[in-house]
Amino acid sequence: MPGREPLHVGADSAPLPCLAKAFGDALEPPYRAVALRHEGSTWAIGGVRIEVAELPADIEGEELLLTMTQEGERALEIDGRPTAETIPALEAAVGGRYDAYFARATRLDRGLWEVGIDPL
């Protein structure tokens, strides 16, 4: 999200500002970065662009799995448990890219979710 501070997910957050600066303009946000300390102040960093969607903050759970078949059948799991609920905002995030797909959403922060979408 433009102008948003980096979100920290994981262990030590102290090097976060320095790592974000190291990417500079090399990788357009949003992205997921990983850093591993080699020795002292030497770090190896890597990053990959991600898709982020705003979904309702009141969704229970941390991971959503949505399967939509060619026939229009949908199956939703929240934290690995099947549910009859629907999350229209997740389907809207797919945006009609595919007729049949598998979408995974992982909560980043309240209503922000990392979304991956694969065609079936």
PDB file of N, CA and C in Angstrom:
ATOM      1  N   MET A   1       0.835  -1.148   0.000  1.00  0.00           N
ATOM      2  CA  MET A   1       0.000   0.000   0.000  1.00  0.00           C
ATOM      3  C   MET A   1       0.899   1.237   0.000  1.00  0.00           C
ATOM      4  N   PRO A   2       0.679   2.151  -0.900  1.00  0.00           N
ATOM      5  CA  PRO A   2       1.550   3.315  -1.031  1.00  0.00           C
ATOM      6  C   PRO A   2       1.661   4.111   0.268  1.00  0.00           C
ATOM      7  N   GLY A   3       2.889   4.517   0.590  1.00  0.00           N
ATOM      8  CA  GLY A   3       3.132   5.345   1.753  1.00  0.00           C
ATOM      9  C   GLY A   3       3.037   4.629   3.086  1.00  0.00           C
ATOM     10  N   ARG A   4       2.841   3.340   3.075  1.00  0.00           N
ATOM     11  CA  ARG A   4       2.694   2.573   4.313  1.00  0.00           C
ATOM     12  C   ARG A   4       4.068   2.115   4.792  1.00  0.00           C
ATOM     13  N   GLU A   5       4.247   2.129   6.096  1.00  0.00           N
ATOM     14  CA  GLU A   5       5.483   1.645   6.688  1.00  0.00           C
ATOM     15  C   GLU A   5       5.595   0.140   6.473  1.00  0.00           C
ATOM     16  N   PRO A   6       6.818  -0.395   6.429  1.00  0.00           N
ATOM     17  CA  PRO A   6       6.976  -1.848   6.294  1.00  0.00           C
ATOM     18  C   PRO A   6       6.328  -2.585   7.461  1.00  0.00           C
ATOM     19  N   LEU A   7       5.745  -3.736   7.164  1.00  0.00           N
ATOM     20  CA  LEU A   7       5.179  -4.594   8.207  1.00  0.00           C
ATOM     21  C   LEU A   7       6.232  -5.619   8.593  1.00  0.00           C
ATOM     22  N   HIS A   8       6.383  -5.847   9.874  1.00  0.00           N
ATOM     23  CA  HIS A   8       7.350  -6.832  10.351  1.00  0.00           C
ATOM     24  C   HIS A   8       6.626  -8.139  10.675  1.00  0.00           C
ATOM     25  N   VAL A   9       7.104  -9.227  10.088  1.00  0.00           N
ATOM     26  CA  VAL A   9       6.567 -10.550  10.387  1.00  0.00           C
ATOM     27  C   VAL A   9       7.764 -11.440  10.660  1.00  0.00           C
ATOM     28  N   GLY A  10       7.917 -11.909  11.884  1.00  0.00           N
ATOM     29  CA  GLY A  10       9.045 -12.792  12.175  1.00  0.00           C
ATOM     30  C   GLY A  10       9.783 -12.377  13.428  1.00  0.00           C
ATOM     31  N   ALA A  11      11.093 -12.614  13.415  1.00  0.00           N
ATOM     32  CA  ALA A  11      11.922 -12.462  14.604  1.00  0.00           C
ATOM     33  C   ALA A  11      12.290 -11.005  14.882  1.00  0.00           C
ATOM     34  N   ASP A  12      13.555 -10.680  14.826  1.00  0.00           N
ATOM     35  CA  ASP A  12      14.094  -9.382  15.212  1.00  0.00           C
ATOM     36  C   ASP A  12      13.703  -8.289  14.224  1.00  0.00           C
ATOM     37  N   SER A  13      13.031  -7.247  14.711  1.00  0.00           N
ATOM     38  CA  SER A  13      12.608  -6.161  13.827  1.00  0.00           C
ATOM     39  C   SER A  13      13.629  -5.035  13.747  1.00  0.00           C
ATOM     40  N   ALA A  14      14.698  -5.075  14.522  1.00  0.00           N
ATOM     41  CA  ALA A  14      15.676  -3.988  14.563  1.00  0.00           C
ATOM     42  C   ALA A  14      16.257  -3.644  13.186  1.00  0.00           C
ATOM     43  N   PRO A  15      16.623  -4.628  12.351  1.00  0.00           N
ATOM     44  CA  PRO A  15      17.232  -4.267  11.063  1.00  0.00           C
ATOM     45  C   PRO A  15      16.233  -3.867   9.976  1.00  0.00           C
ATOM     46  N   LEU A  16      14.935  -3.844  10.272  1.00  0.00           N
ATOM     47  CA  LEU A  16      13.915  -3.589   9.259  1.00  0.00           C
ATOM     48  C   LEU A  16      14.120  -2.293   8.473  1.00  0.00           C
ATOM     49  N   PRO A  17      14.325  -1.139   9.108  1.00  0.00           N
ATOM     50  CA  PRO A  17      14.507   0.086   8.321  1.00  0.00           C
ATOM     51  C   PRO A  17      15.719   0.020   7.390  1.00  0.00           C
ATOM     52  N   CYS A  18      16.795  -0.561   7.885  1.00  0.00           N
ATOM     53  CA  CYS A  18      18.012  -0.675   7.069  1.00  0.00           C
ATOM     54  C   CYS A  18      17.787  -1.602   5.878  1.00  0.00           C
ATOM     55  N   LEU A  19      17.081  -2.698   6.098  1.00  0.00           N
ATOM     56  CA  LEU A  19      16.823  -3.645   5.010  1.00  0.00           C
ATOM     57  C   LEU A  19      15.895  -3.044   3.969  1.00  0.00           C
ATOM     58  N   ALA A  20      14.881  -2.314   4.411  1.00  0.00           N
ATOM     59  CA  ALA A  20      13.963  -1.660   3.472  1.00  0.00           C
ATOM     60  C   ALA A  20      14.739  -0.650   2.630  1.00  0.00           C
ATOM     61  N   LYS A  21      15.663   0.070   3.253  1.00  0.00           N
ATOM     62  CA  LYS A  21      16.487   1.040   2.525  1.00  0.00           C
ATOM     63  C   LYS A  21      17.407   0.336   1.529  1.00  0.00           C
ATOM     64  N   ALA A  22      17.899  -0.845   1.883  1.00  0.00           N
ATOM     65  CA  ALA A  22      18.803  -1.586   0.997  1.00  0.00           C
ATOM     66  C   ALA A  22      18.118  -1.970  -0.309  1.00  0.00           C
ATOM     67  N   PHE A  23      16.829  -2.227  -0.257  1.00  0.00           N
ATOM     68  CA  PHE A  23      16.107  -2.543  -1.484  1.00  0.00           C
ATOM     69  C   PHE A  23      15.948  -1.315  -2.371  1.00  0.00           C
ATOM     70  N   GLY A  24      15.872  -0.142  -1.720  1.00  0.00           N
ATOM     71  CA  GLY A  24      15.737   1.093  -2.478  1.00  0.00           C
ATOM     72  C   GLY A  24      14.646   0.991  -3.517  1.00  0.00           C
ATOM     73  N   ASP A  25      14.972   1.316  -4.754  1.00  0.00           N
ATOM     74  CA  ASP A  25      14.014   1.256  -5.857  1.00  0.00           C
ATOM     75  C   ASP A  25      14.129  -0.047  -6.640  1.00  0.00           C
ATOM     76  N   ALA A  26      14.918  -0.987  -6.141  1.00  0.00           N
ATOM     77  CA  ALA A  26      15.148  -2.236  -6.876  1.00  0.00           C
ATOM     78  C   ALA A  26      13.895  -3.103  -6.961  1.00  0.00           C
ATOM     79  N   LEU A  27      13.016  -2.977  -5.995  1.00  0.00           N
ATOM     80  CA  LEU A  27      11.816  -3.800  -5.960  1.00  0.00           C
ATOM     81  C   LEU A  27      10.636  -2.920  -5.554  1.00  0.00           C
ATOM     82  N   GLU A  28       9.661  -2.824  -6.441  1.00  0.00           N
ATOM     83  CA  GLU A  28       8.477  -1.994  -6.207  1.00  0.00           C
ATOM     84  C   GLU A  28       7.593  -2.636  -5.132  1.00  0.00           C
ATOM     85  N   PRO A  29       7.186  -1.891  -4.093  1.00  0.00           N
ATOM     86  CA  PRO A  29       6.280  -2.456  -3.098  1.00  0.00           C
ATOM     87  C   PRO A  29       4.920  -2.765  -3.717  1.00  0.00           C
ATOM     88  N   PRO A  30       4.179  -3.675  -3.150  1.00  0.00           N
ATOM     89  CA  PRO A  30       4.496  -4.447  -1.946  1.00  0.00           C
ATOM     90  C   PRO A  30       5.382  -5.654  -2.282  1.00  0.00           C
ATOM     91  N   TYR A  31       6.202  -6.019  -1.334  1.00  0.00           N
ATOM     92  CA  TYR A  31       7.047  -7.191  -1.493  1.00  0.00           C
ATOM     93  C   TYR A  31       7.290  -7.840  -0.145  1.00  0.00           C
ATOM     94  N   ARG A  32       7.693  -9.109  -0.203  1.00  0.00           N
ATOM     95  CA  ARG A  32       8.080  -9.846   1.000  1.00  0.00           C
ATOM     96  C   ARG A  32       9.592  -9.954   0.949  1.00  0.00           C
ATOM     97  N   ALA A  33      10.246  -9.514   2.010  1.00  0.00           N
ATOM     98  CA  ALA A  33      11.704  -9.565   2.081  1.00  0.00           C
ATOM     99  C   ALA A  33      12.127 -10.558   3.149  1.00  0.00           C
ATOM    100  N   VAL A  34      13.253 -11.189   2.902  1.00  0.00           N
ATOM    101  CA  VAL A  34      13.828 -12.131   3.852  1.00  0.00           C
ATOM    102  C   VAL A  34      15.281 -11.730   4.040  1.00  0.00           C
ATOM    103  N   ALA A  35      15.743 -11.745   5.274  1.00  0.00           N
ATOM    104  CA  ALA A  35      17.127 -11.390   5.566  1.00  0.00           C
ATOM    105  C   ALA A  35      17.745 -12.437   6.480  1.00  0.00           C
ATOM    106  N   LEU A  36      18.978 -12.777   6.185  1.00  0.00           N
ATOM    107  CA  LEU A  36      19.722 -13.723   7.011  1.00  0.00           C
ATOM    108  C   LEU A  36      21.056 -13.088   7.372  1.00  0.00           C
ATOM    109  N   ARG A  37      21.373 -13.066   8.658  1.00  0.00           N
ATOM    110  CA  ARG A  37      22.649 -12.514   9.098  1.00  0.00           C
ATOM    111  C   ARG A  37      23.749 -13.546   8.842  1.00  0.00           C
ATOM    112  N   HIS A  38      24.795 -13.115   8.161  1.00  0.00           N
ATOM    113  CA  HIS A  38      25.947 -13.995   7.930  1.00  0.00           C
ATOM    114  C   HIS A  38      26.931 -13.876   9.083  1.00  0.00           C
ATOM    115  N   GLU A  39      27.550 -12.712   9.237  1.00  0.00           N
ATOM    116  CA  GLU A  39      28.475 -12.451  10.337  1.00  0.00           C
ATOM    117  C   GLU A  39      28.395 -10.982  10.691  1.00  0.00           C
ATOM    118  N   GLY A  40      28.413 -10.683  11.964  1.00  0.00           N
ATOM    119  CA  GLY A  40      28.430  -9.286  12.391  1.00  0.00           C
ATOM    120  C   GLY A  40      27.333  -8.470  11.742  1.00  0.00           C
ATOM    121  N   SER A  41      27.748  -7.486  10.928  1.00  0.00           N
ATOM    122  CA  SER A  41      26.766  -6.610  10.278  1.00  0.00           C
ATOM    123  C   SER A  41      26.566  -6.967   8.807  1.00  0.00           C
ATOM    124  N   THR A  42      26.968  -8.166   8.387  1.00  0.00           N
ATOM    125  CA  THR A  42      26.790  -8.613   7.002  1.00  0.00           C
ATOM    126  C   THR A  42      25.521  -9.445   6.897  1.00  0.00           C
ATOM    127  N   TRP A  43      24.648  -9.010   5.987  1.00  0.00           N
ATOM    128  CA  TRP A  43      23.362  -9.665   5.793  1.00  0.00           C
ATOM    129  C   TRP A  43      23.196 -10.077   4.339  1.00  0.00           C
ATOM    130  N   ALA A  44      22.475 -11.152   4.116  1.00  0.00           N
ATOM    131  CA  ALA A  44      22.016 -11.524   2.772  1.00  0.00           C
ATOM    132  C   ALA A  44      20.513 -11.233   2.755  1.00  0.00           C
ATOM    133  N   ILE A  45      20.057 -10.534   1.707  1.00  0.00           N
ATOM    134  CA  ILE A  45      18.640 -10.209   1.634  1.00  0.00           C
ATOM    135  C   ILE A  45      18.074 -10.653   0.295  1.00  0.00           C
ATOM    136  N   GLY A  46      16.802 -10.948   0.304  1.00  0.00           N
ATOM    137  CA  GLY A  46      16.098 -11.303  -0.925  1.00  0.00           C
ATOM    138  C   GLY A  46      14.664 -10.839  -0.800  1.00  0.00           C
ATOM    139  N   GLY A  47      14.028 -10.645  -1.937  1.00  0.00           N
ATOM    140  CA  GLY A  47      12.652 -10.193  -1.896  1.00  0.00           C
ATOM    141  C   GLY A  47      11.887 -10.642  -3.120  1.00  0.00           C
ATOM    142  N   VAL A  48      10.590 -10.723  -2.976  1.00  0.00           N
ATOM    143  CA  VAL A  48       9.708 -11.102  -4.073  1.00  0.00           C
ATOM    144  C   VAL A  48       8.442 -10.249  -3.962  1.00  0.00           C
ATOM    145  N   ARG A  49       7.972  -9.777  -5.108  1.00  0.00           N
ATOM    146  CA  ARG A  49       6.737  -8.988  -5.115  1.00  0.00           C
ATOM    147  C   ARG A  49       5.569  -9.871  -4.674  1.00  0.00           C
ATOM    148  N   ILE A  50       4.642  -9.265  -3.966  1.00  0.00           N
ATOM    149  CA  ILE A  50       3.440  -9.968  -3.532  1.00  0.00           C
ATOM    150  C   ILE A  50       2.225  -9.122  -3.875  1.00  0.00           C
ATOM    151  N   GLU A  51       1.079  -9.764  -3.875  1.00  0.00           N
ATOM    152  CA  GLU A  51      -0.179  -9.053  -4.042  1.00  0.00           C
ATOM    153  C   GLU A  51      -0.810  -8.904  -2.665  1.00  0.00           C
ATOM    154  N   VAL A  52      -1.262  -7.698  -2.361  1.00  0.00           N
ATOM    155  CA  VAL A  52      -1.895  -7.425  -1.076  1.00  0.00           C
ATOM    156  C   VAL A  52      -3.315  -6.945  -1.336  1.00  0.00           C
ATOM    157  N   ALA A  53      -4.254  -7.478  -0.568  1.00  0.00           N
ATOM    158  CA  ALA A  53      -5.658  -7.079  -0.692  1.00  0.00           C
ATOM    159  C   ALA A  53      -6.186  -6.677   0.676  1.00  0.00           C
ATOM    160  N   GLU A  54      -7.113  -5.743   0.666  1.00  0.00           N
ATOM    161  CA  GLU A  54      -7.808  -5.385   1.896  1.00  0.00           C
ATOM    162  C   GLU A  54      -9.065  -6.230   1.976  1.00  0.00           C
ATOM    163  N   LEU A  55      -9.171  -7.010   3.033  1.00  0.00           N
ATOM    164  CA  LEU A  55     -10.337  -7.843   3.303  1.00  0.00           C
ATOM    165  C   LEU A  55     -10.898  -7.387   4.649  1.00  0.00           C
ATOM    166  N   PRO A  56     -12.134  -7.720   4.950  1.00  0.00           N
ATOM    167  CA  PRO A  56     -12.705  -7.301   6.233  1.00  0.00           C
ATOM    168  C   PRO A  56     -11.822  -7.718   7.414  1.00  0.00           C
ATOM    169  N   ALA A  57     -11.576  -6.777   8.313  1.00  0.00           N
ATOM    170  CA  ALA A  57     -10.709  -7.039   9.463  1.00  0.00           C
ATOM    171  C   ALA A  57     -11.327  -8.015  10.447  1.00  0.00           C
ATOM    172  N   ASP A  58     -12.656  -8.212  10.374  1.00  0.00           N
ATOM    173  CA  ASP A  58     -13.322  -9.085  11.342  1.00  0.00           C
ATOM    174  C   ASP A  58     -13.333 -10.554  10.922  1.00  0.00           C
ATOM    175  N   ILE A  59     -12.648 -10.900   9.845  1.00  0.00           N
ATOM    176  CA  ILE A  59     -12.570 -12.304   9.438  1.00  0.00           C
ATOM    177  C   ILE A  59     -11.823 -13.074  10.519  1.00  0.00           C
ATOM    178  N   GLU A  60     -12.412 -14.169  10.944  1.00  0.00           N
ATOM    179  CA  GLU A  60     -11.750 -15.038  11.921  1.00  0.00           C
ATOM    180  C   GLU A  60     -10.662 -15.830  11.202  1.00  0.00           C
ATOM    181  N   GLY A  61      -9.557 -16.030  11.847  1.00  0.00           N
ATOM    182  CA  GLY A  61      -8.506 -16.862  11.272  1.00  0.00           C
ATOM    183  C   GLY A  61      -7.390 -16.053  10.649  1.00  0.00           C
ATOM    184  N   GLU A  62      -6.347 -16.793  10.241  1.00  0.00           N
ATOM    185  CA  GLU A  62      -5.142 -16.188   9.693  1.00  0.00           C
ATOM    186  C   GLU A  62      -4.853 -16.614   8.259  1.00  0.00           C
ATOM    187  N   GLU A  63      -5.495 -17.690   7.807  1.00  0.00           N
ATOM    188  CA  GLU A  63      -5.252 -18.175   6.447  1.00  0.00           C
ATOM    189  C   GLU A  63      -6.566 -18.604   5.798  1.00  0.00           C
ATOM    190  N   LEU A  64      -6.773 -18.140   4.575  1.00  0.00           N
ATOM    191  CA  LEU A  64      -7.972 -18.470   3.816  1.00  0.00           C
ATOM    192  C   LEU A  64      -7.565 -19.231   2.565  1.00  0.00           C
ATOM    193  N   LEU A  65      -8.296 -20.278   2.252  1.00  0.00           N
ATOM    194  CA  LEU A  65      -8.084 -21.037   1.021  1.00  0.00           C
ATOM    195  C   LEU A  65      -9.423 -21.110   0.299  1.00  0.00           C
ATOM    196  N   LEU A  66      -9.474 -20.577  -0.909  1.00  0.00           N
ATOM    197  CA  LEU A  66     -10.706 -20.559  -1.682  1.00  0.00           C
ATOM    198  C   LEU A  66     -10.459 -21.266  -3.008  1.00  0.00           C
ATOM    199  N   THR A  67     -11.275 -22.270  -3.293  1.00  0.00           N
ATOM    200  CA  THR A  67     -11.215 -22.964  -4.572  1.00  0.00           C
ATOM    201  C   THR A  67     -12.506 -22.692  -5.313  1.00  0.00           C
ATOM    202  N   MET A  68     -12.388 -22.242  -6.553  1.00  0.00           N
ATOM    203  CA  MET A  68     -13.541 -21.984  -7.420  1.00  0.00           C
ATOM    204  C   MET A  68     -13.369 -22.865  -8.658  1.00  0.00           C
ATOM    205  N   THR A  69     -14.357 -23.738  -8.925  1.00  0.00           N
ATOM    206  CA  THR A  69     -14.267 -24.636 -10.070  1.00  0.00           C
ATOM    207  C   THR A  69     -14.860 -23.988 -11.317  1.00  0.00           C
ATOM    208  N   GLN A  70     -14.594 -24.593 -12.443  1.00  0.00           N
ATOM    209  CA  GLN A  70     -15.128 -24.137 -13.726  1.00  0.00           C
ATOM    210  C   GLN A  70     -16.657 -24.105 -13.688  1.00  0.00           C
ATOM    211  N   GLU A  71     -17.252 -25.007 -12.922  1.00  0.00           N
ATOM    212  CA  GLU A  71     -18.709 -25.099 -12.810  1.00  0.00           C
ATOM    213  C   GLU A  71     -19.280 -24.082 -11.828  1.00  0.00           C
ATOM    214  N   GLY A  72     -18.426 -23.270 -11.208  1.00  0.00           N
ATOM    215  CA  GLY A  72     -18.897 -22.256 -10.274  1.00  0.00           C
ATOM    216  C   GLY A  72     -19.040 -22.734  -8.842  1.00  0.00           C
ATOM    217  N   GLU A  73     -18.584 -23.961  -8.562  1.00  0.00           N
ATOM    218  CA  GLU A  73     -18.628 -24.462  -7.186  1.00  0.00           C
ATOM    219  C   GLU A  73     -17.466 -23.846  -6.411  1.00  0.00           C
ATOM    220  N   ARG A  74     -17.754 -23.414  -5.184  1.00  0.00           N
ATOM    221  CA  ARG A  74     -16.697 -22.824  -4.377  1.00  0.00           C
ATOM    222  C   ARG A  74     -16.557 -23.590  -3.076  1.00  0.00           C
ATOM    223  N   ALA A  75     -15.331 -23.668  -2.613  1.00  0.00           N
ATOM    224  CA  ALA A  75     -15.035 -24.281  -1.320  1.00  0.00           C
ATOM    225  C   ALA A  75     -14.075 -23.349  -0.593  1.00  0.00           C
ATOM    226  N   LEU A  76     -14.453 -22.967   0.619  1.00  0.00           N
ATOM    227  CA  LEU A  76     -13.638 -22.055   1.418  1.00  0.00           C
ATOM    228  C   LEU A  76     -13.203 -22.752   2.693  1.00  0.00           C
ATOM    229  N   GLU A  77     -11.928 -22.594   3.018  1.00  0.00           N
ATOM    230  CA  GLU A  77     -11.396 -23.062   4.294  1.00  0.00           C
ATOM    231  C   GLU A  77     -10.810 -21.868   5.024  1.00  0.00           C
ATOM    232  N   ILE A  78     -11.061 -21.809   6.317  1.00  0.00           N
ATOM    233  CA  ILE A  78     -10.454 -20.798   7.169  1.00  0.00           C
ATOM    234  C   ILE A  78      -9.606 -21.540   8.188  1.00  0.00           C
ATOM    235  N   ASP A  79      -8.317 -21.290   8.140  1.00  0.00           N
ATOM    236  CA  ASP A  79      -7.360 -21.993   9.000  1.00  0.00           C
ATOM    237  C   ASP A  79      -7.510 -23.508   8.890  1.00  0.00           C
ATOM    238  N   GLY A  80      -7.718 -23.990   7.671  1.00  0.00           N
ATOM    239  CA  GLY A  80      -7.785 -25.426   7.414  1.00  0.00           C
ATOM    240  C   GLY A  80      -9.128 -26.064   7.688  1.00  0.00           C
ATOM    241  N   ARG A  81     -10.108 -25.291   8.138  1.00  0.00           N
ATOM    242  CA  ARG A  81     -11.432 -25.837   8.437  1.00  0.00           C
ATOM    243  C   ARG A  81     -12.425 -25.396   7.365  1.00  0.00           C
ATOM    244  N   PRO A  82     -13.095 -26.340   6.722  1.00  0.00           N
ATOM    245  CA  PRO A  82     -14.109 -25.973   5.717  1.00  0.00           C
ATOM    246  C   PRO A  82     -15.222 -25.149   6.359  1.00  0.00           C
ATOM    247  N   THR A  83     -15.748 -24.204   5.596  1.00  0.00           N
ATOM    248  CA  THR A  83     -16.833 -23.360   6.086  1.00  0.00           C
ATOM    249  C   THR A  83     -17.804 -23.062   4.946  1.00  0.00           C
ATOM    250  N   ALA A  84     -19.049 -22.809   5.307  1.00  0.00           N
ATOM    251  CA  ALA A  84     -20.057 -22.427   4.315  1.00  0.00           C
ATOM    252  C   ALA A  84     -20.070 -20.910   4.113  1.00  0.00           C
ATOM    253  N   GLU A  85     -19.262 -20.188   4.901  1.00  0.00           N
ATOM    254  CA  GLU A  85     -19.161 -18.733   4.759  1.00  0.00           C
ATOM    255  C   GLU A  85     -18.705 -18.364   3.354  1.00  0.00           C
ATOM    256  N   THR A  86     -18.965 -17.128   2.980  1.00  0.00           N
ATOM    257  CA  THR A  86     -18.393 -16.573   1.760  1.00  0.00           C
ATOM    258  C   THR A  86     -17.670 -15.289   2.137  1.00  0.00           C
ATOM    259  N   ILE A  87     -16.647 -14.968   1.372  1.00  0.00           N
ATOM    260  CA  ILE A  87     -15.918 -13.725   1.571  1.00  0.00           C
ATOM    261  C   ILE A  87     -15.855 -13.026   0.218  1.00  0.00           C
ATOM    262  N   PRO A  88     -16.891 -12.245  -0.097  1.00  0.00           N
ATOM    263  CA  PRO A  88     -16.953 -11.587  -1.403  1.00  0.00           C
ATOM    264  C   PRO A  88     -15.717 -10.751  -1.723  1.00  0.00           C
ATOM    265  N   ALA A  89     -15.103 -10.148  -0.703  1.00  0.00           N
ATOM    266  CA  ALA A  89     -13.914  -9.324  -0.950  1.00  0.00           C
ATOM    267  C   ALA A  89     -12.749 -10.161  -1.465  1.00  0.00           C
ATOM    268  N   LEU A  90     -12.664 -11.427  -1.050  1.00  0.00           N
ATOM    269  CA  LEU A  90     -11.604 -12.305  -1.555  1.00  0.00           C
ATOM    270  C   LEU A  90     -11.872 -12.633  -3.026  1.00  0.00           C
ATOM    271  N   GLU A  91     -13.121 -12.938  -3.351  1.00  0.00           N
ATOM    272  CA  GLU A  91     -13.461 -13.202  -4.751  1.00  0.00           C
ATOM    273  C   GLU A  91     -13.239 -11.954  -5.595  1.00  0.00           C
ATOM    274  N   ALA A  92     -13.530 -10.782  -5.044  1.00  0.00           N
ATOM    275  CA  ALA A  92     -13.305  -9.531  -5.772  1.00  0.00           C
ATOM    276  C   ALA A  92     -11.813  -9.302  -6.005  1.00  0.00           C
ATOM    277  N   ALA A  93     -10.965  -9.754  -5.064  1.00  0.00           N
ATOM    278  CA  ALA A  93      -9.515  -9.603  -5.226  1.00  0.00           C
ATOM    279  C   ALA A  93      -9.007 -10.400  -6.420  1.00  0.00           C
ATOM    280  N   VAL A  94      -9.675 -11.517  -6.725  1.00  0.00           N
ATOM    281  CA  VAL A  94      -9.306 -12.309  -7.908  1.00  0.00           C
ATOM    282  C   VAL A  94      -9.652 -11.513  -9.161  1.00  0.00           C
ATOM    283  N   GLY A  95     -10.716 -10.768  -9.088  1.00  0.00           N
ATOM    284  CA  GLY A  95     -11.065  -9.837 -10.143  1.00  0.00           C
ATOM    285  C   GLY A  95     -11.382 -10.444 -11.492  1.00  0.00           C
ATOM    286  N   GLY A  96     -11.918 -11.639 -11.541  1.00  0.00           N
ATOM    287  CA  GLY A  96     -12.300 -12.238 -12.812  1.00  0.00           C
ATOM    288  C   GLY A  96     -11.125 -12.661 -13.683  1.00  0.00           C
ATOM    289  N   ARG A  97      -9.938 -12.787 -13.099  1.00  0.00           N
ATOM    290  CA  ARG A  97      -8.765 -13.195 -13.889  1.00  0.00           C
ATOM    291  C   ARG A  97      -8.899 -14.600 -14.434  1.00  0.00           C
ATOM    292  N   TYR A  98      -9.552 -15.459 -13.663  1.00  0.00           N
ATOM    293  CA  TYR A  98      -9.681 -16.866 -14.059  1.00  0.00           C
ATOM    294  C   TYR A  98     -11.106 -17.336 -13.796  1.00  0.00           C
ATOM    295  N   ASP A  99     -11.564 -18.284 -14.610  1.00  0.00           N
ATOM    296  CA  ASP A  99     -12.867 -18.898 -14.365  1.00  0.00           C
ATOM    297  C   ASP A  99     -12.787 -19.899 -13.221  1.00  0.00           C
ATOM    298  N   ALA A 100     -11.678 -20.613 -13.156  1.00  0.00           N
ATOM    299  CA  ALA A 100     -11.454 -21.602 -12.104  1.00  0.00           C
ATOM    300  C   ALA A 100     -10.093 -21.288 -11.480  1.00  0.00           C
ATOM    301  N   TYR A 101     -10.049 -21.265 -10.147  1.00  0.00           N
ATOM    302  CA  TYR A 101      -8.808 -20.863  -9.493  1.00  0.00           C
ATOM    303  C   TYR A 101      -8.736 -21.388  -8.067  1.00  0.00           C
ATOM    304  N   PHE A 102      -7.542 -21.266  -7.523  1.00  0.00           N
ATOM    305  CA  PHE A 102      -7.248 -21.551  -6.131  1.00  0.00           C
ATOM    306  C   PHE A 102      -6.620 -20.279  -5.580  1.00  0.00           C
ATOM    307  N   ALA A 103      -7.199 -19.714  -4.531  1.00  0.00           N
ATOM    308  CA  ALA A 103      -6.672 -18.491  -3.930  1.00  0.00           C
ATOM    309  C   ALA A 103      -6.319 -18.761  -2.469  1.00  0.00           C
ATOM    310  N   ARG A 104      -5.149 -18.277  -2.079  1.00  0.00           N
ATOM    311  CA  ARG A 104      -4.695 -18.394  -0.691  1.00  0.00           C
ATOM    312  C   ARG A 104      -4.457 -16.982  -0.186  1.00  0.00           C
ATOM    313  N   ALA A 105      -4.999 -16.675   0.981  1.00  0.00           N
ATOM    314  CA  ALA A 105      -4.791 -15.364   1.593  1.00  0.00           C
ATOM    315  C   ALA A 105      -4.239 -15.571   3.001  1.00  0.00           C
ATOM    316  N   THR A 106      -3.169 -14.867   3.299  1.00  0.00           N
ATOM    317  CA  THR A 106      -2.538 -14.946   4.609  1.00  0.00           C
ATOM    318  C   THR A 106      -2.556 -13.557   5.232  1.00  0.00           C
ATOM    319  N   ARG A 107      -3.092 -13.477   6.446  1.00  0.00           N
ATOM    320  CA  ARG A 107      -3.222 -12.171   7.106  1.00  0.00           C
ATOM    321  C   ARG A 107      -1.832 -11.587   7.386  1.00  0.00           C
ATOM    322  N   LEU A 108      -1.675 -10.322   7.017  1.00  0.00           N
ATOM    323  CA  LEU A 108      -0.453  -9.592   7.320  1.00  0.00           C
ATOM    324  C   LEU A 108      -0.654  -8.712   8.543  1.00  0.00           C
ATOM    325  N   ASP A 109      -1.763  -7.961   8.547  1.00  0.00           N
ATOM    326  CA  ASP A 109      -2.022  -7.008   9.618  1.00  0.00           C
ATOM    327  C   ASP A 109      -3.490  -6.604   9.539  1.00  0.00           C
ATOM    328  N   ARG A 110      -4.254  -6.901  10.550  1.00  0.00           N
ATOM    329  CA  ARG A 110      -5.681  -6.596  10.598  1.00  0.00           C
ATOM    330  C   ARG A 110      -6.388  -6.939   9.289  1.00  0.00           C
ATOM    331  N   GLY A 111      -6.723  -5.929   8.470  1.00  0.00           N
ATOM    332  CA  GLY A 111      -7.452  -6.165   7.229  1.00  0.00           C
ATOM    333  C   GLY A 111      -6.578  -6.296   5.995  1.00  0.00           C
ATOM    334  N   LEU A 112      -5.252  -6.346   6.155  1.00  0.00           N
ATOM    335  CA  LEU A 112      -4.349  -6.522   5.016  1.00  0.00           C
ATOM    336  C   LEU A 112      -3.948  -7.987   4.903  1.00  0.00           C
ATOM    337  N   TRP A 113      -4.090  -8.510   3.697  1.00  0.00           N
ATOM    338  CA  TRP A 113      -3.830  -9.926   3.449  1.00  0.00           C
ATOM    339  C   TRP A 113      -2.925 -10.083   2.233  1.00  0.00           C
ATOM    340  N   GLU A 114      -1.959 -10.988   2.327  1.00  0.00           N
ATOM    341  CA  GLU A 114      -1.159 -11.376   1.170  1.00  0.00           C
ATOM    342  C   GLU A 114      -1.973 -12.413   0.413  1.00  0.00           C
ATOM    343  N   VAL A 115      -2.160 -12.194  -0.895  1.00  0.00           N
ATOM    344  CA  VAL A 115      -3.022 -13.052  -1.686  1.00  0.00           C
ATOM    345  C   VAL A 115      -2.227 -13.671  -2.839  1.00  0.00           C
ATOM    346  N   GLY A 116      -2.356 -14.975  -2.985  1.00  0.00           N
ATOM    347  CA  GLY A 116      -1.783 -15.689  -4.126  1.00  0.00           C
ATOM    348  C   GLY A 116      -2.910 -16.367  -4.877  1.00  0.00           C
ATOM    349  N   ILE A 117      -2.905 -16.256  -6.197  1.00  0.00           N
ATOM    350  CA  ILE A 117      -3.985 -16.804  -7.009  1.00  0.00           C
ATOM    351  C   ILE A 117      -3.388 -17.649  -8.120  1.00  0.00           C
ATOM    352  N   ASP A 118      -3.853 -18.898  -8.220  1.00  0.00           N
ATOM    353  CA  ASP A 118      -3.386 -19.809  -9.262  1.00  0.00           C
ATOM    354  C   ASP A 118      -4.575 -20.347 -10.031  1.00  0.00           C
ATOM    355  N   PRO A 119      -4.488 -20.364 -11.366  1.00  0.00           N
ATOM    356  CA  PRO A 119      -5.591 -20.940 -12.154  1.00  0.00           C
ATOM    357  C   PRO A 119      -5.632 -22.449 -11.984  1.00  0.00           C
ATOM    358  N   LEU A 120      -6.814 -23.012 -12.137  1.00  0.00           N
ATOM    359  CA  LEU A 120      -6.971 -24.480 -12.102  1.00  0.00           C
ATOM    360  C   LEU A 120      -7.084 -24.996 -13.515  1.00  0.00           C
TER     361      LEU A 120
END
